[in-house]
Amino acid sequence: MKYNLLGDSDLRVSEICLGTMTFGRQNTIEEAHQQLDYAREHGVNFLDAAEMYPVPVAAETQGLTEAYIGEWLAKQQRDKLIVATKISGPNRNFQWLRGGQLAVDRKNIEQAVEDSLRRLQTDYIDLYQIHWPDRYVPQFGQTVYDPSQERETVPIPEQLTVFADLIKAGKIRHIGVSNETPWGIAAFSHAAKALGLPKIVSIQNAYSLLNRVFDSHLAEASRLENVGLLAYSPLAFGLLSGKYLNATPTKARLTLFEQFGGRYRNSQVTAAVSAYVEIARAFGLKPVHLALAFVRSRFFATSTIIGATTLEQLVENIDSADVALSTEVLAEIQAVQDRFPNPAP
């Protein structure tokens, strides 16, 4: 396993991160701990969670993911692991979470951090992220900015000031953003520099063979501000494994939870997936390994977040760390991207 420095931080994270949003919904606590044990034993030192997990979200399960991790984390050598979690933002109807009050302001940040620390059974969080911006931005498959949806927002300097206090108190070590834009990376970075406040070290956005939106303006902002990408959905909800091409897997996420399939249900996605699976087979690779190795090959990708509902899937995902793509394979991948550019943004 290779380890990369995350942005301007001192966090050296494994290039594969264990995503945990299935813990508490599709995975029992025993299965979650089995995954955590296997990942740790195979070099993964980086775990990603969120206060709203598991997904799909529900009042009765909210917080279970962190609680499952906490039961396991309490028995580990804490300083050998890097734990990331997230605060939810506004524009979600989570009435069960702080009574639906989700502005990224002092009251909510401090409460969210305390609740996560308690569930995680730890004294500090290594990387604390804003799950999606406090301000309006297009997200989760939206591609057009609509000024009419702009809303009142907590100023970025105000958000950073609260995080600065929590860092001084030793409750969090570093901060990051998620589902952000190039403007957001620049605004957070420049405010931190101008005011002497903590700088974001990471951005967690979707990135895969089917969604390479990050390649242009986000890649520029990420590089120039030294904000590393933590790529989520690198397998596009499992589509890039090829398992949906000729069958409908009964226990797969897009079968169980149809609400997540919107951006993936189009002919361009199916054609692109078929082409990528053909490339993998032509070069003697597993489709999963092709997809994950591609994300890992990108200069801006610090760590790739994998998620699995079975140990067999987890093993296959982690094994991708040993795969390096040749220039010939990368050229074939680019040819497909040119034919089907970003079919699932």
Protein backbone atom coordinates (compact mmCIF):
# COMPACT_ATOMS: atom_id res chain seq x y z
CA MET A 1 0.00 0.00 0.00
CA LYS A 2 1.23 3.45 -0.91
CA TYR A 3 0.72 6.46 1.36
CA ASN A 4 0.30 10.06 0.28
CA LEU A 5 0.53 13.35 2.13
CA LEU A 6 -2.89 15.00 2.22
CA GLY A 7 -2.66 18.60 1.05
CA ASP A 8 -0.75 20.87 3.43
CA SER A 9 -1.39 18.57 6.38
CA ASP A 10 0.86 16.09 8.17
CA LEU A 11 -1.61 13.29 7.44
CA ARG A 12 -0.04 10.49 5.41
CA VAL A 13 -3.05 8.55 4.17
CA SER A 14 -3.28 5.21 2.38
CA GLU A 15 -4.11 5.64 -1.29
CA ILE A 16 -7.18 3.52 -0.64
CA CYS A 17 -9.63 4.79 1.98
CA LEU A 18 -12.36 2.62 3.48
CA GLY A 19 -15.77 4.22 2.98
CA THR A 20 -18.31 3.16 5.56
CA MET A 21 -21.74 4.48 4.56
CA THR A 22 -23.19 0.93 4.38
CA PHE A 23 -22.42 0.27 8.07
CA GLY A 24 -25.73 0.14 9.93
CA ARG A 25 -27.95 -0.35 6.88
CA GLN A 26 -26.51 -2.99 4.55
CA ASN A 27 -23.80 -4.19 6.95
CA THR A 28 -24.22 -5.41 10.51
CA ILE A 29 -21.75 -4.37 13.20
CA GLU A 30 -20.03 -7.76 12.89
CA GLU A 31 -19.62 -7.33 9.14
CA ALA A 32 -18.43 -3.76 9.60
CA HIS A 33 -15.74 -4.87 12.06
CA GLN A 34 -14.69 -7.66 9.72
CA GLN A 35 -14.22 -5.10 6.95
CA LEU A 36 -12.31 -2.75 9.25
CA ASP A 37 -10.02 -5.57 10.39
CA TYR A 38 -9.28 -6.70 6.84
CA ALA A 39 -8.63 -3.18 5.59
CA ARG A 40 -6.28 -2.38 8.46
CA GLU A 41 -4.41 -5.68 8.03
CA HIS A 42 -3.85 -4.84 4.35
CA GLY A 43 -2.41 -1.38 4.84
CA VAL A 44 -5.49 0.85 4.87
CA ASN A 45 -5.02 3.48 7.59
CA PHE A 46 -7.74 5.88 6.42
CA LEU A 47 -11.48 5.63 7.27
CA ASP A 48 -14.22 7.94 6.05
CA ALA A 49 -17.60 8.42 7.73
CA ALA A 50 -20.27 11.10 8.23
CA GLU A 51 -22.71 12.05 10.93
CA MET A 52 -25.67 11.32 8.59
CA TYR A 53 -24.54 7.78 7.69
CA PRO A 54 -25.67 5.12 6.93
CA VAL A 55 -27.16 5.78 3.52
CA PRO A 56 -30.03 5.78 2.66
CA VAL A 57 -30.60 8.10 5.59
CA ALA A 58 -33.30 7.58 8.20
CA ALA A 59 -33.99 8.84 11.70
CA GLU A 60 -33.70 5.37 13.24
CA THR A 61 -30.28 4.63 11.73
CA GLN A 62 -28.59 8.06 11.77
CA GLY A 63 -25.23 7.86 13.54
CA LEU A 64 -24.97 4.06 13.45
CA THR A 65 -22.00 4.13 11.08
CA GLU A 66 -19.91 6.22 13.46
CA ALA A 67 -21.10 4.11 16.40
CA TYR A 68 -20.02 0.88 14.69
CA ILE A 69 -16.62 2.41 13.93
CA GLY A 70 -16.35 3.66 17.51
CA GLU A 71 -16.86 0.17 18.97
CA TRP A 72 -13.97 -1.02 16.79
CA LEU A 73 -11.77 2.06 17.16
CA ALA A 74 -11.80 1.82 20.95
CA LYS A 75 -9.82 -1.42 20.64
CA GLN A 76 -7.21 -0.11 18.18
CA GLN A 77 -3.97 1.84 18.42
CA ARG A 78 -5.59 5.18 17.70
CA ASP A 79 -2.52 7.05 16.47
CA LYS A 80 -2.01 4.50 13.69
CA LEU A 81 -5.35 5.36 12.07
CA ILE A 82 -6.65 8.45 10.29
CA VAL A 83 -10.36 8.97 10.88
CA ALA A 84 -12.42 11.35 8.76
CA THR A 85 -16.04 12.32 9.20
CA LYS A 86 -18.39 15.08 8.07
CA ILE A 87 -20.95 17.61 9.19
CA SER A 88 -24.18 17.74 7.19
CA GLY A 89 -25.15 21.06 5.62
CA PRO A 90 -28.45 22.78 4.87
CA ASN A 91 -30.79 21.96 1.96
CA ARG A 92 -31.59 18.50 3.34
CA ASN A 93 -34.81 17.67 5.18
CA PHE A 94 -33.15 15.86 8.08
CA GLN A 95 -35.56 16.88 10.85
CA TRP A 96 -34.11 14.21 13.12
CA LEU A 97 -30.65 15.81 12.98
CA ARG A 98 -30.45 18.82 15.32
CA GLY A 99 -34.12 19.46 14.66
CA GLY A 100 -33.38 20.16 11.01
CA GLN A 101 -31.07 23.07 11.89
CA LEU A 102 -28.16 22.33 9.58
CA ALA A 103 -26.44 25.66 8.90
CA VAL A 104 -22.67 25.29 9.14
CA ASP A 105 -22.46 27.78 12.01
CA ARG A 106 -20.85 27.70 15.45
CA LYS A 107 -23.73 26.05 17.29
CA ASN A 108 -24.17 23.26 14.76
CA ILE A 109 -20.47 22.64 14.12
CA GLU A 110 -19.69 22.35 17.82
CA GLN A 111 -22.67 20.07 18.46
CA ALA A 112 -21.89 17.90 15.44
CA VAL A 113 -18.25 17.48 16.47
CA GLU A 114 -19.18 16.54 20.04
CA ASP A 115 -21.74 14.00 18.82
CA SER A 116 -19.28 12.44 16.37
CA LEU A 117 -16.53 12.24 19.00
CA ARG A 118 -18.92 10.45 21.34
CA ARG A 119 -20.07 7.96 18.73
CA LEU A 120 -16.54 7.36 17.45
CA GLN A 121 -15.26 6.89 21.03
CA THR A 122 -12.24 9.06 20.34
CA ASP A 123 -10.78 12.32 21.62
CA TYR A 124 -10.09 13.80 18.21
CA ILE A 125 -11.04 13.62 14.54
CA ASP A 126 -8.14 13.69 12.08
CA LEU A 127 -10.06 15.19 9.15
CA TYR A 128 -13.34 17.02 9.63
CA GLN A 129 -15.22 17.82 6.44
CA ILE A 130 -18.23 19.89 5.37
CA HIS A 131 -20.36 17.27 3.63
CA TRP A 132 -21.76 19.76 1.12
CA PRO A 133 -21.50 23.56 1.02
CA ASP A 134 -23.54 25.74 3.33
CA ARG A 135 -24.27 27.94 0.30
CA TYR A 136 -26.27 26.85 -2.73
CA VAL A 137 -24.34 24.97 -5.42
CA PRO A 138 -25.47 22.39 -7.99
CA GLN A 139 -24.73 18.96 -6.58
CA PHE A 140 -25.38 15.20 -6.77
CA GLY A 141 -25.81 15.07 -10.53
CA GLN A 142 -27.02 18.64 -11.10
CA THR A 143 -24.97 20.40 -13.77
CA VAL A 144 -26.49 23.89 -14.13
CA TYR A 145 -26.04 26.77 -11.69
CA ASP A 146 -29.37 28.50 -10.98
CA PRO A 147 -29.01 31.95 -9.35
CA SER A 148 -32.65 31.86 -8.24
CA GLN A 149 -31.73 29.11 -5.75
CA GLU A 150 -29.09 31.16 -3.96
CA ARG A 151 -29.80 31.41 -0.24
CA GLU A 152 -28.51 33.08 2.88
CA THR A 153 -25.29 31.40 3.93
CA VAL A 154 -22.81 31.39 6.80
CA PRO A 155 -19.75 33.37 5.61
CA ILE A 156 -16.72 31.20 4.95
CA PRO A 157 -14.49 33.17 7.41
CA GLU A 158 -17.07 32.51 10.12
CA GLN A 159 -17.02 28.77 9.38
CA LEU A 160 -13.21 28.73 9.44
CA THR A 161 -13.11 30.62 12.75
CA VAL A 162 -15.14 27.88 14.45
CA PHE A 163 -12.90 25.18 13.01
CA ALA A 164 -9.85 27.12 14.22
CA ASP A 165 -11.21 27.06 17.77
CA LEU A 166 -11.85 23.32 17.58
CA ILE A 167 -8.34 22.70 16.27
CA LYS A 168 -6.91 24.73 19.16
CA ALA A 169 -9.02 22.66 21.54
CA GLY A 170 -7.54 19.46 20.05
CA LYS A 171 -10.91 18.09 18.93
CA ILE A 172 -10.11 18.11 15.22
CA ARG A 173 -6.75 18.16 13.45
CA HIS A 174 -7.49 19.26 9.88
CA ILE A 175 -10.45 20.34 7.78
CA GLY A 176 -11.74 19.54 4.32
CA VAL A 177 -14.69 20.14 2.02
CA SER A 178 -16.89 17.85 -0.02
CA ASN A 179 -19.09 18.24 -3.10
CA GLU A 180 -17.34 21.58 -3.65
CA THR A 181 -16.62 23.77 -6.65
CA PRO A 182 -13.47 25.52 -7.93
CA TRP A 183 -14.78 28.79 -6.50
CA GLY A 184 -15.27 27.09 -3.14
CA ILE A 185 -11.71 25.73 -3.04
CA ALA A 186 -10.34 29.19 -3.86
CA ALA A 187 -12.63 31.02 -1.42
CA PHE A 188 -11.79 28.75 1.52
CA SER A 189 -8.07 28.81 0.73
CA HIS A 190 -7.82 32.56 0.24
CA ALA A 191 -9.87 33.36 3.36
CA ALA A 192 -7.62 31.11 5.43
CA LYS A 193 -4.48 32.81 4.12
CA ALA A 194 -5.81 36.34 4.51
CA LEU A 195 -7.11 35.85 8.04
CA GLY A 196 -4.58 33.39 9.44
CA LEU A 197 -7.18 30.64 9.79
CA PRO A 198 -6.88 26.87 9.13
CA LYS A 199 -6.65 25.95 5.46
CA ILE A 200 -8.64 23.14 3.90
CA VAL A 201 -6.42 20.19 2.98
CA SER A 202 -8.86 18.03 1.02
CA ILE A 203 -11.89 17.94 -1.24
CA GLN A 204 -14.10 14.87 -1.38
CA ASN A 205 -15.94 14.80 -4.70
CA ALA A 206 -17.26 12.13 -7.03
CA TYR A 207 -14.75 10.91 -9.59
CA SER A 208 -14.80 7.85 -11.83
CA LEU A 209 -14.48 6.69 -15.43
CA LEU A 210 -18.09 7.88 -15.84
CA ASN A 211 -17.63 11.22 -14.11
CA ARG A 212 -14.43 13.11 -14.88
CA VAL A 213 -15.79 16.62 -14.28
CA PHE A 214 -12.91 17.14 -11.83
CA ASP A 215 -10.39 16.96 -14.70
CA SER A 216 -10.72 20.60 -15.72
CA HIS A 217 -11.37 23.53 -13.37
CA LEU A 218 -11.42 21.50 -10.15
CA ALA A 219 -8.09 19.89 -11.01
CA GLU A 220 -6.55 23.33 -11.50
CA ALA A 221 -7.87 24.64 -8.18
CA SER A 222 -6.88 21.43 -6.39
CA ARG A 223 -3.32 21.60 -7.68
CA LEU A 224 -2.68 25.32 -7.23
CA GLU A 225 -4.18 25.43 -3.73
CA ASN A 226 -2.70 22.02 -2.76
CA VAL A 227 -6.07 20.53 -1.81
CA GLY A 228 -6.02 16.77 -2.41
CA LEU A 229 -8.93 14.88 -3.94
CA LEU A 230 -10.56 12.10 -1.95
CA ALA A 231 -12.46 10.45 -4.78
CA TYR A 232 -15.82 8.95 -3.88
CA SER A 233 -18.03 6.69 -6.04
CA PRO A 234 -15.00 5.49 -8.07
CA LEU A 235 -17.04 2.48 -9.21
CA ALA A 236 -20.18 4.56 -9.89
CA PHE A 237 -22.34 2.61 -7.44
CA GLY A 238 -20.88 -0.65 -8.73
CA LEU A 239 -21.75 -0.07 -12.39
CA LEU A 240 -18.09 -0.15 -13.43
CA SER A 241 -17.78 -3.70 -12.11
CA GLY A 242 -19.92 -4.68 -15.09
CA LYS A 243 -22.37 -6.59 -12.89
CA TYR A 244 -25.42 -4.68 -14.12
CA LEU A 245 -24.76 -5.20 -17.84
CA ASN A 246 -26.46 -8.57 -18.23
CA ALA A 247 -28.28 -8.99 -14.93
CA THR A 248 -30.03 -7.23 -12.06
CA PRO A 249 -28.15 -8.25 -8.89
CA THR A 250 -30.69 -8.72 -6.11
CA LYS A 251 -28.64 -7.27 -3.25
CA ALA A 252 -26.87 -4.49 -5.16
CA ARG A 253 -27.38 -0.87 -4.11
CA LEU A 254 -28.99 0.33 -7.35
CA THR A 255 -31.43 -2.57 -7.14
CA LEU A 256 -32.30 -2.04 -3.49
CA PHE A 257 -32.34 1.75 -3.57
CA GLU A 258 -33.61 2.96 -6.92
CA GLN A 259 -33.49 6.61 -5.81
CA PHE A 260 -29.71 6.62 -6.34
CA GLY A 261 -29.84 5.55 -9.96
CA GLY A 262 -31.00 8.73 -11.66
CA ARG A 263 -27.71 9.89 -13.09
CA TYR A 264 -26.79 6.37 -14.17
CA ARG A 265 -29.92 5.44 -16.12
CA ASN A 266 -29.11 6.46 -19.66
CA SER A 267 -27.84 4.78 -22.80
CA GLN A 268 -24.52 6.66 -22.74
CA VAL A 269 -23.68 5.18 -19.34
CA THR A 270 -24.47 1.65 -20.50
CA ALA A 271 -22.39 2.07 -23.65
CA ALA A 272 -19.45 3.53 -21.74
CA VAL A 273 -19.52 0.80 -19.09
CA SER A 274 -19.57 -1.86 -21.81
CA ALA A 275 -16.56 -0.25 -23.49
CA TYR A 276 -14.58 -0.06 -20.26
CA VAL A 277 -15.37 -3.69 -19.41
CA GLU A 278 -14.14 -4.68 -22.88
CA ILE A 279 -10.86 -2.81 -22.31
CA ALA A 280 -10.35 -4.58 -19.00
CA ARG A 281 -10.92 -7.99 -20.50
CA ALA A 282 -8.72 -7.25 -23.52
CA PHE A 283 -5.79 -6.47 -21.22
CA GLY A 284 -6.42 -9.27 -18.72
CA LEU A 285 -7.73 -6.98 -15.98
CA LYS A 286 -10.77 -7.13 -13.76
CA PRO A 287 -13.17 -4.28 -14.55
CA VAL A 288 -13.07 -3.19 -10.89
CA HIS A 289 -9.27 -3.01 -11.00
CA LEU A 290 -9.31 -1.00 -14.22
CA ALA A 291 -11.72 1.54 -12.74
CA LEU A 292 -9.98 1.93 -9.38
CA ALA A 293 -6.45 1.96 -10.84
CA PHE A 294 -7.50 4.71 -13.24
CA VAL A 295 -8.70 6.97 -10.42
CA ARG A 296 -5.55 6.24 -8.45
CA SER A 297 -3.41 7.20 -11.45
CA ARG A 298 -4.67 10.79 -11.54
CA PHE A 299 -2.18 13.37 -10.27
CA PHE A 300 -4.77 15.08 -8.10
CA ALA A 301 -6.12 11.92 -6.41
CA THR A 302 -4.65 11.57 -2.93
CA SER A 303 -6.89 8.69 -1.88
CA THR A 304 -9.70 6.67 -3.45
CA ILE A 305 -12.68 5.89 -1.25
CA ILE A 306 -13.96 2.35 -1.71
CA GLY A 307 -17.14 0.90 -0.28
CA ALA A 308 -18.20 -2.73 -0.11
CA THR A 309 -21.12 -4.70 1.24
CA THR A 310 -19.28 -8.04 1.22
CA LEU A 311 -15.80 -9.06 2.23
CA GLU A 312 -15.25 -10.49 -1.25
CA GLN A 313 -15.90 -7.06 -2.78
CA LEU A 314 -13.56 -5.45 -0.27
CA VAL A 315 -10.76 -7.89 -1.07
CA GLU A 316 -11.13 -7.21 -4.80
CA ASN A 317 -11.14 -3.45 -4.23
CA ILE A 318 -8.04 -3.43 -2.05
CA ASP A 319 -6.22 -5.74 -4.46
CA SER A 320 -6.48 -2.96 -7.05
CA ALA A 321 -3.66 -1.19 -5.20
CA ASP A 322 -1.26 -3.58 -6.92
CA VAL A 323 -2.49 -2.68 -10.41
CA ALA A 324 -0.76 -0.05 -12.57
CA LEU A 325 -2.23 0.86 -15.95
CA SER A 326 0.02 0.99 -19.00
CA THR A 327 0.10 3.94 -21.36
CA GLU A 328 -1.69 1.75 -23.89
CA VAL A 329 -4.56 1.06 -21.48
CA LEU A 330 -4.79 4.73 -20.55
CA ALA A 331 -4.99 5.64 -24.23
CA GLU A 332 -7.86 3.18 -24.72
CA ILE A 333 -9.63 4.70 -21.70
CA GLN A 334 -9.24 8.19 -23.12
CA ALA A 335 -10.70 7.05 -26.43
CA VAL A 336 -13.86 5.92 -24.63
CA GLN A 337 -14.02 9.20 -22.70
CA ASP A 338 -13.81 11.05 -26.01
CA ARG A 339 -16.74 9.01 -27.36
CA PHE A 340 -18.85 9.21 -24.18
CA PRO A 341 -17.69 12.25 -22.21
CA ASN A 342 -18.83 12.22 -18.59
CA PRO A 343 -22.07 10.29 -19.06
CA ALA A 344 -22.86 10.37 -15.32
CA PRO A 345 -21.67 13.77 -13.97
